[in-house]
Structure formats: structure tokens, C-alpha cells
C-alpha atoms as a PDB file:
ATOM      1  CA  MET A   1       3.980 -16.969   1.666  1.00  0.00           C
ATOM      2  CA  GLU A   2       4.483 -13.857   3.993  1.00  0.00           C
ATOM      3  CA  ASP A   3       1.410 -12.824   6.436  1.00  0.00           C
ATOM      4  CA  ARG A   4       2.553  -8.986   6.521  1.00  0.00           C
ATOM      5  CA  PRO A   5      -0.236  -6.722   5.210  1.00  0.00           C
ATOM      6  CA  GLY A   6      -0.480  -5.124   1.842  1.00  0.00           C
ATOM      7  CA  VAL A   7       1.343  -1.724   1.013  1.00  0.00           C
ATOM      8  CA  VAL A   8      -2.247   0.192   1.287  1.00  0.00           C
ATOM      9  CA  GLU A   9      -3.218  -1.657   4.449  1.00  0.00           C
ATOM     10  CA  ARG A  10       0.345  -1.006   6.131  1.00  0.00           C
ATOM     11  CA  ALA A  11       0.024   2.734   5.183  1.00  0.00           C
ATOM     12  CA  PHE A  12      -3.414   2.948   6.825  1.00  0.00           C
ATOM     13  CA  GLN A  13      -2.409   1.169  10.014  1.00  0.00           C
ATOM     14  CA  ILE A  14       0.797   3.828  10.105  1.00  0.00           C
ATOM     15  CA  ALA A  15      -1.475   6.716   9.266  1.00  0.00           C
ATOM     16  CA  ARG A  16      -4.067   5.855  11.890  1.00  0.00           C
ATOM     17  CA  SER A  17      -1.123   5.680  14.641  1.00  0.00           C
ATOM     18  CA  GLY A  18      -0.310   9.306  14.631  1.00  0.00           C
ATOM     19  CA  ALA A  19       3.628   8.218  14.668  1.00  0.00           C
ATOM     20  CA  VAL A  20       4.237  10.232  11.293  1.00  0.00           C
ATOM     21  CA  ALA A  21       3.681  13.828  10.812  1.00  0.00           C
ATOM     22  CA  ASN A  22       3.122  13.465   6.714  1.00  0.00           C
ATOM     23  CA  THR A  23       3.006  11.322   3.837  1.00  0.00           C
ATOM     24  CA  SER A  24       6.536  11.805   3.249  1.00  0.00           C
ATOM     25  CA  GLU A  25       7.592  10.437   6.779  1.00  0.00           C
ATOM     26  CA  LEU A  26       4.688   7.939   5.918  1.00  0.00           C
ATOM     27  CA  ARG A  27       6.514   6.795   2.826  1.00  0.00           C
ATOM     28  CA  LYS A  28       9.771   6.518   4.478  1.00  0.00           C
ATOM     29  CA  GLN A  29       8.483   4.250   7.203  1.00  0.00           C
ATOM     30  CA  LEU A  30       7.000   1.986   4.737  1.00  0.00           C
ATOM     31  CA  ALA A  31      10.291   1.645   3.042  1.00  0.00           C
ATOM     32  CA  ALA A  32      12.158   0.910   6.064  1.00  0.00           C
ATOM     33  CA  GLU A  33       9.810  -1.849   6.598  1.00  0.00           C
ATOM     34  CA  GLY A  34      10.721  -3.575   3.293  1.00  0.00           C
ATOM     35  CA  TYR A  35       7.455  -1.573   1.102  1.00  0.00           C
ATOM     36  CA  ALA A  36      10.107   0.250  -1.112  1.00  0.00           C
ATOM     37  CA  ASP A  37       8.760  -1.572  -4.530  1.00  0.00           C
ATOM     38  CA  THR A  38       5.437  -1.168  -3.853  1.00  0.00           C
ATOM     39  CA  ILE A  39       5.199   2.651  -2.531  1.00  0.00           C
ATOM     40  CA  PRO A  40       4.494   4.008  -6.144  1.00  0.00           C
ATOM     41  CA  SER A  41       0.934   2.357  -5.667  1.00  0.00           C
ATOM     42  CA  LEU A  42       0.100   4.915  -2.932  1.00  0.00           C
ATOM     43  CA  ALA A  43       0.692   8.102  -5.537  1.00  0.00           C
ATOM     44  CA  GLY A  44      -3.089   8.259  -6.458  1.00  0.00           C
ATOM     45  CA  ARG A  45      -4.928  11.534  -5.330  1.00  0.00           C
ATOM     46  CA  SER A  46      -7.555  10.114  -3.489  1.00  0.00           C
ATOM     47  CA  ILE A  47      -5.315   7.613  -1.501  1.00  0.00           C
ATOM     48  CA  SER A  48      -2.735  10.354  -0.841  1.00  0.00           C
ATOM     49  CA  THR A  49      -5.941  12.559   0.464  1.00  0.00           C
ATOM     50  CA  GLN A  50      -7.279   9.645   2.764  1.00  0.00           C
ATOM     51  CA  LEU A  51      -3.759   9.094   4.291  1.00  0.00           C
ATOM     52  CA  THR A  52      -3.519  12.853   4.942  1.00  0.00           C
ATOM     53  CA  ARG A  53      -6.512  13.061   6.557  1.00  0.00           C
ATOM     54  CA  MET A  54      -5.805  10.094   8.824  1.00  0.00           C
ATOM     55  CA  ILE A  55      -2.624  11.247   9.551  1.00  0.00           C
ATOM     56  CA  THR A  56      -3.987  14.538  10.578  1.00  0.00           C
ATOM     57  CA  GLU A  57      -6.834  13.021  12.642  1.00  0.00           C
ATOM     58  CA  ALA A  58      -4.671  10.809  14.648  1.00  0.00           C
ATOM     59  CA  ARG A  59      -2.356  13.446  15.586  1.00  0.00           C
ATOM     60  CA  LEU A  60      -4.870  15.968  16.422  1.00  0.00           C
ATOM     61  CA  SER A  61      -6.878  13.735  18.532  1.00  0.00           C
ATOM     62  CA  GLY A  62      -3.949  11.922  20.302  1.00  0.00           C
ATOM     63  CA  SER A  63      -5.747   8.796  20.000  1.00  0.00           C
ATOM     64  CA  GLY A  64      -3.786   7.169  17.361  1.00  0.00           C
ATOM     65  CA  LEU A  65      -3.178   3.103  17.516  1.00  0.00           C
ATOM     66  CA  PRO A  66       0.192   2.259  18.679  1.00  0.00           C
ATOM     67  CA  GLU A  67       2.676   1.533  15.542  1.00  0.00           C
ATOM     68  CA  ALA A  68       3.557  -1.861  15.075  1.00  0.00           C
ATOM     69  CA  PRO A  69       7.399  -2.028  15.153  1.00  0.00           C
ATOM     70  CA  ALA A  70       9.533  -2.436  12.313  1.00  0.00           C
ATOM     71  CA  ASP A  71      10.590  -5.695  13.552  1.00  0.00           C
ATOM     72  CA  ALA A  72       7.015  -7.011  13.621  1.00  0.00           C
ATOM     73  CA  SER A  73       6.733 -10.760  13.484  1.00  0.00           C
ATOM     74  CA  TRP A  74       4.984 -11.098  10.648  1.00  0.00           C
ATOM     75  CA  GLN A  75       8.126  -9.615   8.723  1.00  0.00           C
ATOM     76  CA  ASP A  76      10.229 -12.329   9.914  1.00  0.00           C
ATOM     77  CA  ARG A  77       8.007 -15.014   8.127  1.00  0.00           C
END
């Protein structure tokens, strides 16, 4: 059993980090982390709006949380 976060949780983490400029970059990051098959679950209007807002706020405030590296330890379990 993996201890990595679900796709929505991880998408929120990345969005809050300020490390991506838009949802397209966020989806690319998720795919690079092995979430490619679950990305369609982020296609809804509500979640897209939330993610866009989080990305914008993190980038404008400059206080985004540091992004976990793609080789985070939870991925190796």
C-alpha cells in the first residue's frame, strides 16, 4: 500500500507551492510524479477554479510552500 497523497491532495499541494504558473503546468507535474492515469479527476469546473485560484494566490503572495521533489520518499514505498 502506498503512502503517497491522492491526486487531488497532491494537486492542491503543488498549487499552493507557487511552483507552477497554471493548471497545464500542474498537470504536467502530476504526470511526472506518476499521477497520469488519475489527472482526469481534476477536469471539473469547480476544482479547476480552486486550483487556478490557489496557484494565483501563491504566486502573487510569494509565500507558497516549498514543493516536494518528484522523488519524494513516499513515492518509493
